Amino acid sequence: MPATIYRKTVTGQAALATRGGGLSARERTALIVVNGRQTRAQLLAALGADASTLLDVLLAQGLIEVVAAAPVRPSARVAAAGPVQAPVPPPATDPVADTERLRSLQQTALTLLAPHFGPDVKVVCLPLLQARTRAEWQAALAAIEAKLGIYLGRKAAQGLVASLRL
């Protein structure tokens, strides 16, 4: 379920605080990244190839727990709550203005993140550089924020990327 959200349990917080629990470096990194706000899909993007296995291991060990799951399918919602109202369309945006804003933000991102990622900045920022929509940009930025959070701390990472939000 890509929309599942996890948070650390008390046991998980204790394992981080005491550096105990027999966690591997990758498991510890994954546990650090779990913050109770990012979806499973965002965590998978931030953690890389073995992320699904890491999250499953942490869940099985009781170090993380599910906070929220994917929304109920419409057919089940109709039976439980009556008719489904039509979704409200997002506000209209100017695609040309968004494209220009993205190009500007891409250059700003490279400049802002270069001190943190050094010569690998273009590799790390590749999803940002390839983003063509607001949603793609936000997803790529969330993944970079999660990576920065490991080294800088969550609040410092949020502050660093705040100027890059659309």
C-alpha atoms as a PDB file:
ATOM      1  CA  MET A   1       0.000   0.000   0.000  1.00  0.00           C
ATOM      2  CA  PRO A   2       1.850   3.114  -1.202  1.00  0.00           C
ATOM      3  CA  ALA A   3      -0.259   5.482   0.947  1.00  0.00           C
ATOM      4  CA  THR A   4       0.619   3.723   4.215  1.00  0.00           C
ATOM      5  CA  ILE A   5       2.300   5.990   6.744  1.00  0.00           C
ATOM      6  CA  TYR A   6       4.616   4.625   9.444  1.00  0.00           C
ATOM      7  CA  ARG A   7       5.947   6.049  12.702  1.00  0.00           C
ATOM      8  CA  LYS A   8       8.520   4.847  15.201  1.00  0.00           C
ATOM      9  CA  THR A   9       7.202   2.875  18.166  1.00  0.00           C
ATOM     10  CA  VAL A  10       8.488   3.441  21.692  1.00  0.00           C
ATOM     11  CA  THR A  11      10.696   0.392  21.120  1.00  0.00           C
ATOM     12  CA  GLY A  12      12.000   1.936  17.890  1.00  0.00           C
ATOM     13  CA  GLN A  13      12.774   5.239  19.597  1.00  0.00           C
ATOM     14  CA  ALA A  14      14.592   3.376  22.368  1.00  0.00           C
ATOM     15  CA  ALA A  15      16.611   1.374  19.828  1.00  0.00           C
ATOM     16  CA  LEU A  16      17.758   4.636  18.230  1.00  0.00           C
ATOM     17  CA  ALA A  17      18.498   6.333  21.541  1.00  0.00           C
ATOM     18  CA  THR A  18      20.547   3.426  22.902  1.00  0.00           C
ATOM     19  CA  ARG A  19      21.957   2.345  19.538  1.00  0.00           C
ATOM     20  CA  GLY A  20      20.697  -1.082  20.531  1.00  0.00           C
ATOM     21  CA  GLY A  21      18.381  -3.614  19.021  1.00  0.00           C
ATOM     22  CA  GLY A  22      21.014  -5.264  16.842  1.00  0.00           C
ATOM     23  CA  LEU A  23      20.105  -3.152  13.836  1.00  0.00           C
ATOM     24  CA  SER A  24      22.248  -3.129  10.722  1.00  0.00           C
ATOM     25  CA  ALA A  25      23.394   0.248   9.420  1.00  0.00           C
ATOM     26  CA  ARG A  26      20.719   0.192   6.686  1.00  0.00           C
ATOM     27  CA  GLU A  27      17.968  -0.774   9.159  1.00  0.00           C
ATOM     28  CA  ARG A  28      19.057   2.021  11.489  1.00  0.00           C
ATOM     29  CA  THR A  29      19.050   4.512   8.611  1.00  0.00           C
ATOM     30  CA  ALA A  30      15.564   3.391   7.588  1.00  0.00           C
ATOM     31  CA  LEU A  31      14.351   3.722  11.174  1.00  0.00           C
ATOM     32  CA  ILE A  32      15.767   7.247  11.353  1.00  0.00           C
ATOM     33  CA  VAL A  33      13.998   8.249   8.124  1.00  0.00           C
ATOM     34  CA  VAL A  34      10.564   7.000   9.300  1.00  0.00           C
ATOM     35  CA  ASN A  35       8.901  10.139  10.666  1.00  0.00           C
ATOM     36  CA  GLY A  36       5.150   9.589  10.779  1.00  0.00           C
ATOM     37  CA  ARG A  37       4.461  11.945   7.860  1.00  0.00           C
ATOM     38  CA  GLN A  38       5.907  10.404   4.715  1.00  0.00           C
ATOM     39  CA  THR A  39       4.005   7.748   2.822  1.00  0.00           C
ATOM     40  CA  ARG A  40       5.469   4.331   2.089  1.00  0.00           C
ATOM     41  CA  ALA A  41       6.042   5.443  -1.516  1.00  0.00           C
ATOM     42  CA  GLN A  42       8.048   8.467  -0.347  1.00  0.00           C
ATOM     43  CA  LEU A  43      10.074   6.308   2.027  1.00  0.00           C
ATOM     44  CA  LEU A  44      10.778   3.818  -0.764  1.00  0.00           C
ATOM     45  CA  ALA A  45      12.037   6.658  -2.956  1.00  0.00           C
ATOM     46  CA  ALA A  46      14.198   8.076  -0.175  1.00  0.00           C
ATOM     47  CA  LEU A  47      15.735   4.803   0.977  1.00  0.00           C
ATOM     48  CA  GLY A  48      16.495   3.115  -2.326  1.00  0.00           C
ATOM     49  CA  ALA A  49      16.379  -0.412  -3.705  1.00  0.00           C
ATOM     50  CA  ASP A  50      16.058  -2.444  -0.484  1.00  0.00           C
ATOM     51  CA  ALA A  51      13.592  -0.057   1.180  1.00  0.00           C
ATOM     52  CA  SER A  52      10.575  -2.363   1.005  1.00  0.00           C
ATOM     53  CA  THR A  53      12.447  -5.141   2.790  1.00  0.00           C
ATOM     54  CA  LEU A  54      13.827  -2.705   5.373  1.00  0.00           C
ATOM     55  CA  LEU A  55      10.381  -1.355   6.219  1.00  0.00           C
ATOM     56  CA  ASP A  56       8.943  -4.868   6.467  1.00  0.00           C
ATOM     57  CA  VAL A  57      11.753  -5.933   8.829  1.00  0.00           C
ATOM     58  CA  LEU A  58      11.276  -2.874  11.047  1.00  0.00           C
ATOM     59  CA  LEU A  59       7.532  -3.497  11.124  1.00  0.00           C
ATOM     60  CA  ALA A  60       8.013  -7.184  11.999  1.00  0.00           C
ATOM     61  CA  GLN A  61      10.431  -6.262  14.806  1.00  0.00           C
ATOM     62  CA  GLY A  62       7.904  -3.804  16.257  1.00  0.00           C
ATOM     63  CA  LEU A  63      10.182  -0.797  15.725  1.00  0.00           C
ATOM     64  CA  ILE A  64       7.668   0.998  13.498  1.00  0.00           C
ATOM     65  CA  GLU A  65       3.897   0.902  13.278  1.00  0.00           C
ATOM     66  CA  VAL A  66       1.239   1.916  10.777  1.00  0.00           C
ATOM     67  CA  VAL A  67      -0.248   5.351  11.467  1.00  0.00           C
ATOM     68  CA  ALA A  68      -2.535   5.605   8.451  1.00  0.00           C
ATOM     69  CA  ALA A  69      -3.331   3.316   5.567  1.00  0.00           C
ATOM     70  CA  ALA A  70      -4.508   3.827   2.010  1.00  0.00           C
ATOM     71  CA  PRO A  71      -7.934   5.403   1.655  1.00  0.00           C
ATOM     72  CA  VAL A  72     -10.887   3.045   1.392  1.00  0.00           C
ATOM     73  CA  ARG A  73     -11.791   2.122  -2.177  1.00  0.00           C
ATOM     74  CA  PRO A  74     -14.808   4.079  -3.469  1.00  0.00           C
ATOM     75  CA  SER A  75     -17.032   0.980  -3.777  1.00  0.00           C
ATOM     76  CA  ALA A  76     -16.488   0.124  -0.102  1.00  0.00           C
ATOM     77  CA  ARG A  77     -17.002   3.761   0.903  1.00  0.00           C
ATOM     78  CA  VAL A  78     -20.350   3.907  -0.929  1.00  0.00           C
ATOM     79  CA  ALA A  79     -21.628   0.906   0.971  1.00  0.00           C
ATOM     80  CA  ALA A  80     -20.437   2.276   4.312  1.00  0.00           C
ATOM     81  CA  ALA A  81     -21.028   6.010   4.019  1.00  0.00           C
ATOM     82  CA  GLY A  82     -23.496   6.561   1.222  1.00  0.00           C
ATOM     83  CA  PRO A  83     -22.824   8.155  -2.154  1.00  0.00           C
ATOM     84  CA  VAL A  84     -19.415   9.554  -2.917  1.00  0.00           C
ATOM     85  CA  GLN A  85     -19.273  13.230  -3.790  1.00  0.00           C
ATOM     86  CA  ALA A  86     -17.389  14.246  -6.888  1.00  0.00           C
ATOM     87  CA  PRO A  87     -13.837  15.367  -6.098  1.00  0.00           C
ATOM     88  CA  VAL A  88     -13.127  19.069  -6.185  1.00  0.00           C
ATOM     89  CA  PRO A  89     -10.773  19.818  -9.082  1.00  0.00           C
ATOM     90  CA  PRO A  90      -7.498  21.496  -8.150  1.00  0.00           C
ATOM     91  CA  PRO A  91      -7.228  25.198  -8.878  1.00  0.00           C
ATOM     92  CA  ALA A  92      -6.209  25.995 -12.428  1.00  0.00           C
ATOM     93  CA  THR A  93      -2.540  26.824 -12.820  1.00  0.00           C
ATOM     94  CA  ASP A  94      -0.645  28.342 -15.661  1.00  0.00           C
ATOM     95  CA  PRO A  95       1.569  25.577 -17.142  1.00  0.00           C
ATOM     96  CA  VAL A  96       3.947  28.124 -18.663  1.00  0.00           C
ATOM     97  CA  ALA A  97       4.447  29.883 -15.323  1.00  0.00           C
ATOM     98  CA  ASP A  98       4.947  26.518 -13.582  1.00  0.00           C
ATOM     99  CA  THR A  99       7.543  25.494 -16.193  1.00  0.00           C
ATOM    100  CA  GLU A 100       9.458  28.743 -15.763  1.00  0.00           C
ATOM    101  CA  ARG A 101       9.266  28.438 -11.980  1.00  0.00           C
ATOM    102  CA  LEU A 102      10.532  24.830 -12.162  1.00  0.00           C
ATOM    103  CA  ARG A 103      13.513  25.841 -14.310  1.00  0.00           C
ATOM    104  CA  SER A 104      14.400  28.584 -11.871  1.00  0.00           C
ATOM    105  CA  LEU A 105      14.016  26.273  -8.870  1.00  0.00           C
ATOM    106  CA  GLN A 106      16.147  23.582 -10.524  1.00  0.00           C
ATOM    107  CA  GLN A 107      19.087  25.969 -10.771  1.00  0.00           C
ATOM    108  CA  THR A 108      18.502  27.211  -7.228  1.00  0.00           C
ATOM    109  CA  ALA A 109      18.389  23.624  -5.971  1.00  0.00           C
ATOM    110  CA  LEU A 110      21.728  22.761  -7.539  1.00  0.00           C
ATOM    111  CA  THR A 111      23.336  25.839  -6.012  1.00  0.00           C
ATOM    112  CA  LEU A 112      21.750  25.321  -2.592  1.00  0.00           C
ATOM    113  CA  LEU A 113      22.462  21.591  -2.358  1.00  0.00           C
ATOM    114  CA  ALA A 114      25.977  21.548  -3.841  1.00  0.00           C
ATOM    115  CA  PRO A 115      27.680  22.175  -0.463  1.00  0.00           C
ATOM    116  CA  HIS A 116      25.843  19.187   1.010  1.00  0.00           C
ATOM    117  CA  PHE A 117      26.263  16.653  -1.788  1.00  0.00           C
ATOM    118  CA  GLY A 118      29.469  17.896  -3.414  1.00  0.00           C
ATOM    119  CA  PRO A 119      30.241  16.469  -6.850  1.00  0.00           C
ATOM    120  CA  ASP A 120      27.253  14.115  -6.566  1.00  0.00           C
ATOM    121  CA  VAL A 121      24.766  16.980  -6.467  1.00  0.00           C
ATOM    122  CA  LYS A 122      23.569  16.377 -10.043  1.00  0.00           C
ATOM    123  CA  VAL A 123      23.069  12.666  -9.357  1.00  0.00           C
ATOM    124  CA  VAL A 124      21.129  13.337  -6.155  1.00  0.00           C
ATOM    125  CA  CYS A 125      19.110  16.108  -7.814  1.00  0.00           C
ATOM    126  CA  LEU A 126      18.379  14.150 -11.005  1.00  0.00           C
ATOM    127  CA  PRO A 127      14.706  13.574 -10.062  1.00  0.00           C
ATOM    128  CA  LEU A 128      14.389  17.333  -9.445  1.00  0.00           C
ATOM    129  CA  LEU A 129      16.010  18.114 -12.764  1.00  0.00           C
ATOM    130  CA  GLN A 130      13.680  15.698 -14.562  1.00  0.00           C
ATOM    131  CA  ALA A 131      10.517  16.971 -12.838  1.00  0.00           C
ATOM    132  CA  ARG A 132       8.000  18.445 -15.245  1.00  0.00           C
ATOM    133  CA  THR A 133       4.997  18.807 -12.956  1.00  0.00           C
ATOM    134  CA  ARG A 134       4.367  20.213  -9.513  1.00  0.00           C
ATOM    135  CA  ALA A 135       3.677  16.714  -8.142  1.00  0.00           C
ATOM    136  CA  GLU A 136       6.922  15.287  -9.543  1.00  0.00           C
ATOM    137  CA  TRP A 137       8.843  18.217  -8.085  1.00  0.00           C
ATOM    138  CA  GLN A 138       7.294  17.821  -4.625  1.00  0.00           C
ATOM    139  CA  ALA A 139       7.943  14.054  -4.585  1.00  0.00           C
ATOM    140  CA  ALA A 140      11.591  14.515  -5.620  1.00  0.00           C
ATOM    141  CA  LEU A 141      12.051  17.299  -3.081  1.00  0.00           C
ATOM    142  CA  ALA A 142      10.587  15.142  -0.301  1.00  0.00           C
ATOM    143  CA  ALA A 143      13.090  12.384  -1.115  1.00  0.00           C
ATOM    144  CA  ILE A 144      16.007  14.832  -0.992  1.00  0.00           C
ATOM    145  CA  GLU A 145      14.696  16.318   2.245  1.00  0.00           C
ATOM    146  CA  ALA A 146      14.633  12.830   3.762  1.00  0.00           C
ATOM    147  CA  LYS A 147      18.245  12.244   2.697  1.00  0.00           C
ATOM    148  CA  LEU A 148      19.316  15.577   4.149  1.00  0.00           C
ATOM    149  CA  GLY A 149      17.405  14.810   7.338  1.00  0.00           C
ATOM    150  CA  ILE A 150      19.690  11.875   8.010  1.00  0.00           C
ATOM    151  CA  TYR A 151      22.740  14.144   8.134  1.00  0.00           C
ATOM    152  CA  LEU A 152      21.396  17.518   9.173  1.00  0.00           C
ATOM    153  CA  GLY A 153      18.387  16.566  11.250  1.00  0.00           C
ATOM    154  CA  ARG A 154      14.753  16.847  10.231  1.00  0.00           C
ATOM    155  CA  LYS A 155      14.238  20.513  11.136  1.00  0.00           C
ATOM    156  CA  ALA A 156      17.442  21.695   9.485  1.00  0.00           C
ATOM    157  CA  ALA A 157      16.577  19.737   6.335  1.00  0.00           C
ATOM    158  CA  GLN A 158      13.077  21.251   6.262  1.00  0.00           C
ATOM    159  CA  GLY A 159      14.532  24.728   6.628  1.00  0.00           C
ATOM    160  CA  LEU A 160      17.064  24.119   3.880  1.00  0.00           C
ATOM    161  CA  VAL A 161      14.537  22.975   1.291  1.00  0.00           C
ATOM    162  CA  ALA A 162      11.756  25.385   2.317  1.00  0.00           C
ATOM    163  CA  SER A 163      12.797  27.892  -0.333  1.00  0.00           C
ATOM    164  CA  LEU A 164      12.525  25.184  -2.998  1.00  0.00           C
ATOM    165  CA  ARG A 165       8.856  24.376  -2.419  1.00  0.00           C
ATOM    166  CA  LEU A 166       6.344  25.208  -5.136  1.00  0.00           C
END
